[in-house]
Amino acid sequence: MFKAVADVIRSIGGAVATVVTLPFRAVARLFGGASDTARGHH
């Protein structure tokens, strides 16, 4: 019983983490590319 609940929570947490980090990853890539072109170096 407890293991099943833990598995559900883990799967939900993984899905939430993916959805939450995707936009941040896209924004970080955008800002990373913008700052790279602005500074002209990594």
PDB file of N, CA and C in Angstrom:
ATOM      1  N   MET A   1       0.837  -1.192   0.000  1.00  0.00           N
ATOM      2  CA  MET A   1       0.000   0.000   0.000  1.00  0.00           C
ATOM      3  C   MET A   1       0.881   1.255   0.000  1.00  0.00           C
ATOM      4  N   PHE A   2       1.769   1.349   0.984  1.00  0.00           N
ATOM      5  CA  PHE A   2       2.627   2.523   1.082  1.00  0.00           C
ATOM      6  C   PHE A   2       3.530   2.645  -0.140  1.00  0.00           C
ATOM      7  N   LYS A   3       4.017   1.499  -0.638  1.00  0.00           N
ATOM      8  CA  LYS A   3       4.886   1.531  -1.816  1.00  0.00           C
ATOM      9  C   LYS A   3       4.121   2.043  -3.027  1.00  0.00           C
ATOM     10  N   ALA A   4       2.864   1.638  -3.152  1.00  0.00           N
ATOM     11  CA  ALA A   4       2.052   2.100  -4.287  1.00  0.00           C
ATOM     12  C   ALA A   4       1.855   3.612  -4.207  1.00  0.00           C
ATOM     13  N   VAL A   5       1.571   4.110  -3.010  1.00  0.00           N
ATOM     14  CA  VAL A   5       1.377   5.551  -2.841  1.00  0.00           C
ATOM     15  C   VAL A   5       2.671   6.289  -3.164  1.00  0.00           C
ATOM     16  N   ALA A   6       3.800   5.757  -2.695  1.00  0.00           N
ATOM     17  CA  ALA A   6       5.081   6.394  -2.959  1.00  0.00           C
ATOM     18  C   ALA A   6       5.377   6.421  -4.460  1.00  0.00           C
ATOM     19  N   ASP A   7       5.026   5.330  -5.151  1.00  0.00           N
ATOM     20  CA  ASP A   7       5.249   5.294  -6.608  1.00  0.00           C
ATOM     21  C   ASP A   7       4.404   6.353  -7.303  1.00  0.00           C
ATOM     22  N   VAL A   8       3.143   6.491  -6.889  1.00  0.00           N
ATOM     23  CA  VAL A   8       2.270   7.503  -7.501  1.00  0.00           C
ATOM     24  C   VAL A   8       2.823   8.904  -7.261  1.00  0.00           C
ATOM     25  N   ILE A   9       3.223   9.158  -6.019  1.00  0.00           N
ATOM     26  CA  ILE A   9       3.765  10.485  -5.692  1.00  0.00           C
ATOM     27  C   ILE A   9       5.033  10.753  -6.505  1.00  0.00           C
ATOM     28  N   ARG A  10       5.864   9.722  -6.652  1.00  0.00           N
ATOM     29  CA  ARG A  10       7.113   9.902  -7.403  1.00  0.00           C
ATOM     30  C   ARG A  10       6.810  10.207  -8.867  1.00  0.00           C
ATOM     31  N   SER A  11       5.844   9.475  -9.447  1.00  0.00           N
ATOM     32  CA  SER A  11       5.515   9.706 -10.859  1.00  0.00           C
ATOM     33  C   SER A  11       4.907  11.094 -11.048  1.00  0.00           C
ATOM     34  N   ILE A  12       4.042  11.495 -10.135  1.00  0.00           N
ATOM     35  CA  ILE A  12       3.438  12.826 -10.230  1.00  0.00           C
ATOM     36  C   ILE A  12       4.529  13.894 -10.066  1.00  0.00           C
ATOM     37  N   GLY A  13       5.416  13.687  -9.101  1.00  0.00           N
ATOM     38  CA  GLY A  13       6.494  14.653  -8.888  1.00  0.00           C
ATOM     39  C   GLY A  13       7.377  14.767 -10.121  1.00  0.00           C
ATOM     40  N   GLY A  14       7.640  13.630 -10.775  1.00  0.00           N
ATOM     41  CA  GLY A  14       8.471  13.662 -11.975  1.00  0.00           C
ATOM     42  C   GLY A  14       7.796  14.437 -13.089  1.00  0.00           C
ATOM     43  N   ALA A  15       6.490  14.216 -13.258  1.00  0.00           N
ATOM     44  CA  ALA A  15       5.746  14.919 -14.311  1.00  0.00           C
ATOM     45  C   ALA A  15       5.720  16.418 -14.019  1.00  0.00           C
ATOM     46  N   VAL A  16       5.462  16.766 -12.765  1.00  0.00           N
ATOM     47  CA  VAL A  16       5.411  18.182 -12.390  1.00  0.00           C
ATOM     48  C   VAL A  16       6.780  18.829 -12.601  1.00  0.00           C
ATOM     49  N   ALA A  17       7.828  18.119 -12.192  1.00  0.00           N
ATOM     50  CA  ALA A  17       9.173  18.666 -12.339  1.00  0.00           C
ATOM     51  C   ALA A  17       9.485  18.910 -13.819  1.00  0.00           C
ATOM     52  N   THR A  18       9.089  17.979 -14.685  1.00  0.00           N
ATOM     53  CA  THR A  18       9.343  18.138 -16.117  1.00  0.00           C
ATOM     54  C   THR A  18       8.617  19.364 -16.654  1.00  0.00           C
ATOM     55  N   VAL A  19       7.328  19.492 -16.303  1.00  0.00           N
ATOM     56  CA  VAL A  19       6.535  20.626 -16.796  1.00  0.00           C
ATOM     57  C   VAL A  19       7.088  21.947 -16.273  1.00  0.00           C
ATOM     58  N   VAL A  20       7.540  21.943 -15.017  1.00  0.00           N
ATOM     59  CA  VAL A  20       8.023  23.200 -14.410  1.00  0.00           C
ATOM     60  C   VAL A  20       9.384  23.595 -14.980  1.00  0.00           C
ATOM     61  N   THR A  21      10.259  22.607 -15.212  1.00  0.00           N
ATOM     62  CA  THR A  21      11.616  22.940 -15.649  1.00  0.00           C
ATOM     63  C   THR A  21      11.697  23.234 -17.150  1.00  0.00           C
ATOM     64  N   LEU A  22      10.735  22.733 -17.927  1.00  0.00           N
ATOM     65  CA  LEU A  22      10.787  22.965 -19.382  1.00  0.00           C
ATOM     66  C   LEU A  22      10.805  24.457 -19.728  1.00  0.00           C
ATOM     67  N   PRO A  23       9.861  25.256 -19.233  1.00  0.00           N
ATOM     68  CA  PRO A  23       9.895  26.702 -19.560  1.00  0.00           C
ATOM     69  C   PRO A  23      11.173  27.372 -19.071  1.00  0.00           C
ATOM     70  N   PHE A  24      11.634  27.000 -17.871  1.00  0.00           N
ATOM     71  CA  PHE A  24      12.862  27.604 -17.348  1.00  0.00           C
ATOM     72  C   PHE A  24      14.045  27.262 -18.244  1.00  0.00           C
ATOM     73  N   ARG A  25      14.062  26.012 -18.753  1.00  0.00           N
ATOM     74  CA  ARG A  25      15.153  25.607 -19.632  1.00  0.00           C
ATOM     75  C   ARG A  25      15.111  26.417 -20.931  1.00  0.00           C
ATOM     76  N   ALA A  26      13.901  26.623 -21.465  1.00  0.00           N
ATOM     77  CA  ALA A  26      13.762  27.398 -22.702  1.00  0.00           C
ATOM     78  C   ALA A  26      14.194  28.842 -22.464  1.00  0.00           C
ATOM     79  N   VAL A  27      13.754  29.426 -21.337  1.00  0.00           N
ATOM     80  CA  VAL A  27      14.125  30.817 -21.026  1.00  0.00           C
ATOM     81  C   VAL A  27      15.634  30.925 -20.820  1.00  0.00           C
ATOM     82  N   ALA A  28      16.206  29.942 -20.113  1.00  0.00           N
ATOM     83  CA  ALA A  28      17.651  29.975 -19.872  1.00  0.00           C
ATOM     84  C   ALA A  28      18.407  29.908 -21.196  1.00  0.00           C
ATOM     85  N   ARG A  29      17.900  29.082 -22.139  1.00  0.00           N
ATOM     86  CA  ARG A  29      18.561  28.978 -23.440  1.00  0.00           C
ATOM     87  C   ARG A  29      18.445  30.306 -24.186  1.00  0.00           C
ATOM     88  N   LEU A  30      17.265  30.932 -24.100  1.00  0.00           N
ATOM     89  CA  LEU A  30      17.072  32.219 -24.773  1.00  0.00           C
ATOM     90  C   LEU A  30      18.024  33.267 -24.194  1.00  0.00           C
ATOM     91  N   PHE A  31      18.000  33.406 -22.861  1.00  0.00           N
ATOM     92  CA  PHE A  31      18.857  34.403 -22.220  1.00  0.00           C
ATOM     93  C   PHE A  31      20.331  34.060 -22.413  1.00  0.00           C
ATOM     94  N   GLY A  32      20.649  32.764 -22.405  1.00  0.00           N
ATOM     95  CA  GLY A  32      22.038  32.345 -22.611  1.00  0.00           C
ATOM     96  C   GLY A  32      22.515  32.763 -23.995  1.00  0.00           C
ATOM     97  N   GLY A  33      21.696  32.539 -25.018  1.00  0.00           N
ATOM     98  CA  GLY A  33      22.083  32.921 -26.366  1.00  0.00           C
ATOM     99  C   GLY A  33      22.158  34.431 -26.493  1.00  0.00           C
ATOM    100  N   ALA A  34      21.221  35.147 -25.866  1.00  0.00           N
ATOM    101  CA  ALA A  34      21.214  36.607 -25.957  1.00  0.00           C
ATOM    102  C   ALA A  34      22.454  37.182 -25.281  1.00  0.00           C
ATOM    103  N   SER A  35      22.774  36.681 -24.080  1.00  0.00           N
ATOM    104  CA  SER A  35      23.933  37.204 -23.359  1.00  0.00           C
ATOM    105  C   SER A  35      25.227  36.834 -24.087  1.00  0.00           C
ATOM    106  N   ASP A  36      25.225  35.657 -24.729  1.00  0.00           N
ATOM    107  CA  ASP A  36      26.420  35.256 -25.481  1.00  0.00           C
ATOM    108  C   ASP A  36      26.666  36.229 -26.634  1.00  0.00           C
ATOM    109  N   THR A  37      25.619  36.558 -27.385  1.00  0.00           N
ATOM    110  CA  THR A  37      25.774  37.454 -28.519  1.00  0.00           C
ATOM    111  C   THR A  37      26.069  38.879 -28.035  1.00  0.00           C
ATOM    112  N   ALA A  38      25.521  39.260 -26.874  1.00  0.00           N
ATOM    113  CA  ALA A  38      25.747  40.616 -26.367  1.00  0.00           C
ATOM    114  C   ALA A  38      27.192  40.782 -25.895  1.00  0.00           C
ATOM    115  N   ARG A  39      27.686  39.782 -25.161  1.00  0.00           N
ATOM    116  CA  ARG A  39      29.068  39.873 -24.658  1.00  0.00           C
ATOM    117  C   ARG A  39      30.079  39.489 -25.724  1.00  0.00           C
ATOM    118  N   GLY A  40      29.669  38.603 -26.633  1.00  0.00           N
ATOM    119  CA  GLY A  40      30.576  38.191 -27.681  1.00  0.00           C
ATOM    120  C   GLY A  40      31.487  37.052 -27.252  1.00  0.00           C
ATOM    121  N   HIS A  41      31.273  36.480 -26.066  1.00  0.00           N
ATOM    122  CA  HIS A  41      32.071  35.328 -25.626  1.00  0.00           C
ATOM    123  C   HIS A  41      31.282  34.530 -24.601  1.00  0.00           C
ATOM    124  N   HIS A  42      31.714  33.298 -24.354  1.00  0.00           N
ATOM    125  CA  HIS A  42      30.976  32.440 -23.416  1.00  0.00           C
ATOM    126  C   HIS A  42      31.236  32.882 -21.989  1.00  0.00           C
TER     127      HIS A  42
END
